[in-house]
């Protein structure tokens, strides 16, 4: 599949994000928004959370219909996965995940399927990024890189994963057969 159009929609604080050389980038990190839709994900991305005037966001967002939005150019460091931001590109897939009870121990299932159009757009984007950024050598899920457990919101004596995305419904086998990057753990 050819790459669908990328709709550039920079976050208001994008110029405050640190610059980097693309040669520093070696990892693609797959996330899911754990939100109901792209508009809600955008609103979350626009929230200022840090003294630098920036917030949490991936570089690219892919809606369920395959539409790709670029919120942060790859030459900027987006805040999307602790400890990996400077060396990675974050791709967020719109998916409900555990919304709105992210840390409730009774609601940890991530059972929304990823539509074919969304996965096809993801594969096309990863292949395009790999062709453009030769230093890319691996792909990972957010859950692979952030394995922190936190107290459950419903019962602080229980611990739940802070991040579970992209989750058990993500078609890793299909994606890994279609991109030239191995999955890291």
C-alpha atoms as a PDB file:
ATOM      1  CA  UNK A   1       0.000   0.000   0.000  1.00  0.00           C
ATOM      2  CA  UNK A   2       1.342   3.449  -0.856  1.00  0.00           C
ATOM      3  CA  UNK A   3       1.638   5.880   2.011  1.00  0.00           C
ATOM      4  CA  UNK A   4      -1.602   7.774   2.588  1.00  0.00           C
ATOM      5  CA  UNK A   5      -1.326  11.542   2.791  1.00  0.00           C
ATOM      6  CA  UNK A   6       0.206  12.793   6.005  1.00  0.00           C
ATOM      7  CA  UNK A   7      -1.780  15.702   7.414  1.00  0.00           C
ATOM      8  CA  UNK A   8       0.603  18.007   9.238  1.00  0.00           C
ATOM      9  CA  UNK A   9      -1.106  19.426  12.297  1.00  0.00           C
ATOM     10  CA  UNK A  10       1.699  20.584  14.630  1.00  0.00           C
ATOM     11  CA  UNK A  11       0.999  20.887  18.315  1.00  0.00           C
ATOM     12  CA  UNK A  12       0.983  24.501  19.572  1.00  0.00           C
ATOM     13  CA  UNK A  13       4.211  23.945  21.540  1.00  0.00           C
ATOM     14  CA  UNK A  14       6.117  22.020  18.860  1.00  0.00           C
ATOM     15  CA  UNK A  15       8.828  24.714  18.571  1.00  0.00           C
ATOM     16  CA  UNK A  16       9.604  24.269  22.294  1.00  0.00           C
ATOM     17  CA  UNK A  17      10.437  20.577  21.806  1.00  0.00           C
ATOM     18  CA  UNK A  18      14.135  19.787  21.656  1.00  0.00           C
ATOM     19  CA  UNK A  19      15.654  19.278  18.204  1.00  0.00           C
ATOM     20  CA  UNK A  20      17.584  16.129  17.287  1.00  0.00           C
ATOM     21  CA  UNK A  21      19.464  14.689  14.345  1.00  0.00           C
ATOM     22  CA  UNK A  22      17.496  11.949  12.612  1.00  0.00           C
ATOM     23  CA  UNK A  23      20.624   9.765  12.840  1.00  0.00           C
ATOM     24  CA  UNK A  24      19.878   9.507  16.603  1.00  0.00           C
ATOM     25  CA  UNK A  25      16.595   7.723  15.888  1.00  0.00           C
ATOM     26  CA  UNK A  26      16.766   3.922  16.026  1.00  0.00           C
ATOM     27  CA  UNK A  27      13.341   2.809  17.307  1.00  0.00           C
ATOM     28  CA  UNK A  28       9.695   3.069  16.277  1.00  0.00           C
ATOM     29  CA  UNK A  29       7.360   2.802  19.274  1.00  0.00           C
ATOM     30  CA  UNK A  30       3.761   1.726  18.698  1.00  0.00           C
ATOM     31  CA  UNK A  31       1.174   3.134  21.087  1.00  0.00           C
ATOM     32  CA  UNK A  32      -2.572   3.251  21.282  1.00  0.00           C
ATOM     33  CA  UNK A  33      -4.238   6.431  22.426  1.00  0.00           C
ATOM     34  CA  UNK A  34      -6.487   4.704  24.984  1.00  0.00           C
ATOM     35  CA  UNK A  35      -9.004   7.415  24.121  1.00  0.00           C
ATOM     36  CA  UNK A  36     -12.279   7.290  22.188  1.00  0.00           C
ATOM     37  CA  UNK A  37     -11.292   9.354  19.138  1.00  0.00           C
ATOM     38  CA  UNK A  38      -8.669  11.480  17.417  1.00  0.00           C
ATOM     39  CA  UNK A  39     -10.146  14.768  18.669  1.00  0.00           C
ATOM     40  CA  UNK A  40      -9.788  13.658  22.290  1.00  0.00           C
ATOM     41  CA  UNK A  41      -6.236  12.470  21.601  1.00  0.00           C
ATOM     42  CA  UNK A  42      -5.427  15.868  20.124  1.00  0.00           C
ATOM     43  CA  UNK A  43      -6.808  17.640  23.196  1.00  0.00           C
ATOM     44  CA  UNK A  44      -4.656  15.416  25.452  1.00  0.00           C
ATOM     45  CA  UNK A  45      -1.591  16.145  23.303  1.00  0.00           C
ATOM     46  CA  UNK A  46      -2.134  19.894  23.566  1.00  0.00           C
ATOM     47  CA  UNK A  47      -2.050  19.852  27.379  1.00  0.00           C
ATOM     48  CA  UNK A  48       1.039  21.562  28.755  1.00  0.00           C
ATOM     49  CA  UNK A  49       2.544  19.346  31.451  1.00  0.00           C
ATOM     50  CA  UNK A  50       6.183  20.424  31.744  1.00  0.00           C
ATOM     51  CA  UNK A  51       8.031  23.640  32.703  1.00  0.00           C
ATOM     52  CA  UNK A  52       9.313  23.756  29.105  1.00  0.00           C
ATOM     53  CA  UNK A  53       5.745  24.497  27.984  1.00  0.00           C
ATOM     54  CA  UNK A  54       5.364  21.063  26.344  1.00  0.00           C
ATOM     55  CA  UNK A  55       3.278  17.958  26.985  1.00  0.00           C
ATOM     56  CA  UNK A  56       2.930  14.274  26.092  1.00  0.00           C
ATOM     57  CA  UNK A  57       2.426  13.308  22.463  1.00  0.00           C
ATOM     58  CA  UNK A  58       3.479  10.924  19.755  1.00  0.00           C
ATOM     59  CA  UNK A  59       4.892  12.101  16.444  1.00  0.00           C
ATOM     60  CA  UNK A  60       2.192  10.497  14.298  1.00  0.00           C
ATOM     61  CA  UNK A  61      -1.443   9.574  14.976  1.00  0.00           C
ATOM     62  CA  UNK A  62      -3.334   7.104  12.821  1.00  0.00           C
ATOM     63  CA  UNK A  63      -7.114   7.160  12.998  1.00  0.00           C
ATOM     64  CA  UNK A  64      -9.255   4.054  12.588  1.00  0.00           C
ATOM     65  CA  UNK A  65      -9.885   4.886   8.910  1.00  0.00           C
ATOM     66  CA  UNK A  66      -6.132   5.099   8.158  1.00  0.00           C
ATOM     67  CA  UNK A  67      -5.852   8.904   8.222  1.00  0.00           C
ATOM     68  CA  UNK A  68      -2.349   9.913   9.359  1.00  0.00           C
ATOM     69  CA  UNK A  69      -1.734  13.111  11.322  1.00  0.00           C
ATOM     70  CA  UNK A  70       1.738  14.421  12.149  1.00  0.00           C
ATOM     71  CA  UNK A  71       1.686  16.332  15.434  1.00  0.00           C
ATOM     72  CA  UNK A  72       5.452  16.484  15.944  1.00  0.00           C
ATOM     73  CA  UNK A  73       8.081  16.378  13.171  1.00  0.00           C
ATOM     74  CA  UNK A  74      10.614  13.561  13.527  1.00  0.00           C
ATOM     75  CA  UNK A  75      13.394  16.148  13.974  1.00  0.00           C
ATOM     76  CA  UNK A  76      11.866  17.045  17.353  1.00  0.00           C
ATOM     77  CA  UNK A  77      11.824  14.929  20.517  1.00  0.00           C
ATOM     78  CA  UNK A  78       8.241  14.119  21.516  1.00  0.00           C
ATOM     79  CA  UNK A  79       7.390  12.944  25.023  1.00  0.00           C
ATOM     80  CA  UNK A  80       5.810   9.516  24.458  1.00  0.00           C
ATOM     81  CA  UNK A  81       7.819   6.846  26.312  1.00  0.00           C
ATOM     82  CA  UNK A  82      10.016   7.390  29.359  1.00  0.00           C
ATOM     83  CA  UNK A  83      13.707   6.824  28.686  1.00  0.00           C
ATOM     84  CA  UNK A  84      13.318   6.357  24.918  1.00  0.00           C
ATOM     85  CA  UNK A  85      12.131   9.746  23.637  1.00  0.00           C
ATOM     86  CA  UNK A  86      15.440  11.022  22.258  1.00  0.00           C
ATOM     87  CA  UNK A  87      15.983   7.904  20.163  1.00  0.00           C
ATOM     88  CA  UNK A  88      12.478   7.022  19.003  1.00  0.00           C
ATOM     89  CA  UNK A  89       9.479   7.940  16.895  1.00  0.00           C
ATOM     90  CA  UNK A  90       6.108   7.523  18.584  1.00  0.00           C
ATOM     91  CA  UNK A  91       3.170   6.336  16.485  1.00  0.00           C
ATOM     92  CA  UNK A  92      -0.214   6.496  18.221  1.00  0.00           C
ATOM     93  CA  UNK A  93      -3.109   4.382  16.950  1.00  0.00           C
ATOM     94  CA  UNK A  94      -6.575   5.620  17.865  1.00  0.00           C
ATOM     95  CA  UNK A  95      -7.996   2.844  20.042  1.00  0.00           C
ATOM     96  CA  UNK A  96     -10.136   2.912  23.183  1.00  0.00           C
ATOM     97  CA  UNK A  97      -7.759   0.703  25.170  1.00  0.00           C
ATOM     98  CA  UNK A  98      -8.730   0.822  28.852  1.00  0.00           C
ATOM     99  CA  UNK A  99     -10.474   4.219  28.616  1.00  0.00           C
ATOM    100  CA  UNK A 100     -11.706   5.751  30.887  1.00  0.00           C
ATOM    101  CA  UNK A 101     -10.570   3.442  33.701  1.00  0.00           C
ATOM    102  CA  UNK A 102      -6.912   3.089  32.728  1.00  0.00           C
ATOM    103  CA  UNK A 103      -5.650   1.938  36.102  1.00  0.00           C
ATOM    104  CA  UNK A 104      -8.748   0.200  37.493  1.00  0.00           C
ATOM    105  CA  UNK A 105      -7.771  -3.426  38.197  1.00  0.00           C
ATOM    106  CA  UNK A 106     -11.216  -4.586  37.028  1.00  0.00           C
ATOM    107  CA  UNK A 107     -10.826  -2.943  33.593  1.00  0.00           C
ATOM    108  CA  UNK A 108      -7.439  -3.993  32.262  1.00  0.00           C
ATOM    109  CA  UNK A 109      -8.624  -5.723  29.076  1.00  0.00           C
ATOM    110  CA  UNK A 110      -7.713  -4.021  25.829  1.00  0.00           C
ATOM    111  CA  UNK A 111     -10.136  -5.663  23.449  1.00  0.00           C
ATOM    112  CA  UNK A 112     -10.823  -3.191  20.635  1.00  0.00           C
ATOM    113  CA  UNK A 113      -9.529  -4.626  17.363  1.00  0.00           C
ATOM    114  CA  UNK A 114      -7.336  -2.513  15.111  1.00  0.00           C
ATOM    115  CA  UNK A 115      -9.043  -1.959  11.720  1.00  0.00           C
ATOM    116  CA  UNK A 116      -7.283  -3.127   8.554  1.00  0.00           C
ATOM    117  CA  UNK A 117      -7.105   0.438   7.188  1.00  0.00           C
ATOM    118  CA  UNK A 118      -5.311   1.591  10.324  1.00  0.00           C
ATOM    119  CA  UNK A 119      -2.786  -1.258  10.202  1.00  0.00           C
ATOM    120  CA  UNK A 120      -2.198  -0.770   6.465  1.00  0.00           C
ATOM    121  CA  UNK A 121      -1.469   2.925   7.085  1.00  0.00           C
ATOM    122  CA  UNK A 122       0.851   2.011   9.966  1.00  0.00           C
ATOM    123  CA  UNK A 123       2.815  -0.438   7.807  1.00  0.00           C
ATOM    124  CA  UNK A 124       3.102   2.116   4.997  1.00  0.00           C
ATOM    125  CA  UNK A 125       4.261   4.802   7.450  1.00  0.00           C
ATOM    126  CA  UNK A 126       6.858   2.561   9.123  1.00  0.00           C
ATOM    127  CA  UNK A 127       8.221   1.469   5.738  1.00  0.00           C
ATOM    128  CA  UNK A 128       8.437   5.099   4.586  1.00  0.00           C
ATOM    129  CA  UNK A 129      10.186   6.146   7.799  1.00  0.00           C
ATOM    130  CA  UNK A 130      12.638   3.250   7.489  1.00  0.00           C
ATOM    131  CA  UNK A 131      13.494   4.288   3.924  1.00  0.00           C
ATOM    132  CA  UNK A 132      13.966   7.903   5.022  1.00  0.00           C
ATOM    133  CA  UNK A 133      15.827   7.208   8.298  1.00  0.00           C
ATOM    134  CA  UNK A 134      18.438   4.468   7.781  1.00  0.00           C
ATOM    135  CA  UNK A 135      19.334   4.408  11.499  1.00  0.00           C
ATOM    136  CA  UNK A 136      15.939   2.836  12.339  1.00  0.00           C
ATOM    137  CA  UNK A 137      16.731  -0.717  13.428  1.00  0.00           C
ATOM    138  CA  UNK A 138      13.831  -1.861  15.630  1.00  0.00           C
ATOM    139  CA  UNK A 139      10.167  -1.555  16.512  1.00  0.00           C
ATOM    140  CA  UNK A 140       8.568  -1.924  19.940  1.00  0.00           C
ATOM    141  CA  UNK A 141       5.271  -1.601  21.712  1.00  0.00           C
ATOM    142  CA  UNK A 142       4.947   0.932  24.494  1.00  0.00           C
ATOM    143  CA  UNK A 143       4.280  -2.010  26.827  1.00  0.00           C
ATOM    144  CA  UNK A 144       7.672  -3.483  25.857  1.00  0.00           C
ATOM    145  CA  UNK A 145       9.568  -0.383  26.993  1.00  0.00           C
ATOM    146  CA  UNK A 146       7.570   0.852  29.974  1.00  0.00           C
ATOM    147  CA  UNK A 147       6.956  -2.096  32.273  1.00  0.00           C
ATOM    148  CA  UNK A 148       6.279   0.006  35.377  1.00  0.00           C
ATOM    149  CA  UNK A 149       3.500  -1.174  37.657  1.00  0.00           C
ATOM    150  CA  UNK A 150       1.499   1.290  39.735  1.00  0.00           C
ATOM    151  CA  UNK A 151      -1.178   1.016  42.436  1.00  0.00           C
ATOM    152  CA  UNK A 152      -4.612   0.304  40.956  1.00  0.00           C
ATOM    153  CA  UNK A 153      -7.026   3.228  41.130  1.00  0.00           C
ATOM    154  CA  UNK A 154      -9.768   1.063  42.636  1.00  0.00           C
ATOM    155  CA  UNK A 155      -7.566  -0.758  45.130  1.00  0.00           C
ATOM    156  CA  UNK A 156      -4.125   0.649  45.976  1.00  0.00           C
ATOM    157  CA  UNK A 157      -3.060  -2.723  47.388  1.00  0.00           C
ATOM    158  CA  UNK A 158      -3.137  -4.134  43.842  1.00  0.00           C
ATOM    159  CA  UNK A 159      -0.665  -3.185  41.141  1.00  0.00           C
ATOM    160  CA  UNK A 160      -1.430  -2.817  37.434  1.00  0.00           C
ATOM    161  CA  UNK A 161       0.749  -2.039  34.415  1.00  0.00           C
ATOM    162  CA  UNK A 162       1.036   1.680  33.836  1.00  0.00           C
ATOM    163  CA  UNK A 163       1.130   1.044  30.081  1.00  0.00           C
ATOM    164  CA  UNK A 164      -0.378  -1.899  28.187  1.00  0.00           C
ATOM    165  CA  UNK A 165      -0.412  -0.512  24.673  1.00  0.00           C
ATOM    166  CA  UNK A 166      -0.733  -1.384  21.949  1.00  0.00           C
ATOM    167  CA  UNK A 167      -2.244  -4.413  23.731  1.00  0.00           C
ATOM    168  CA  UNK A 168      -3.217  -7.971  22.975  1.00  0.00           C
ATOM    169  CA  UNK A 169      -5.386  -7.139  19.932  1.00  0.00           C
ATOM    170  CA  UNK A 170      -2.497  -5.511  18.080  1.00  0.00           C
ATOM    171  CA  UNK A 171      -1.571  -7.736  15.098  1.00  0.00           C
ATOM    172  CA  UNK A 172       2.181  -7.971  15.689  1.00  0.00           C
ATOM    173  CA  UNK A 173       2.585 -10.939  13.332  1.00  0.00           C
ATOM    174  CA  UNK A 174       1.018  -9.056  10.409  1.00  0.00           C
ATOM    175  CA  UNK A 175       3.039  -5.920  11.084  1.00  0.00           C
ATOM    176  CA  UNK A 176       6.365  -7.716  11.562  1.00  0.00           C
ATOM    177  CA  UNK A 177       5.874  -9.610   8.295  1.00  0.00           C
ATOM    178  CA  UNK A 178       5.306  -6.311   6.506  1.00  0.00           C
ATOM    179  CA  UNK A 179       8.087  -4.074   7.863  1.00  0.00           C
ATOM    180  CA  UNK A 180      11.870  -4.538   7.784  1.00  0.00           C
ATOM    181  CA  UNK A 181      12.314  -3.993  11.527  1.00  0.00           C
ATOM    182  CA  UNK A 182      12.504  -6.659  14.261  1.00  0.00           C
ATOM    183  CA  UNK A 183      10.568  -6.217  17.484  1.00  0.00           C
ATOM    184  CA  UNK A 184      12.649  -5.395  20.514  1.00  0.00           C
ATOM    185  CA  UNK A 185      11.735  -6.342  24.048  1.00  0.00           C
END
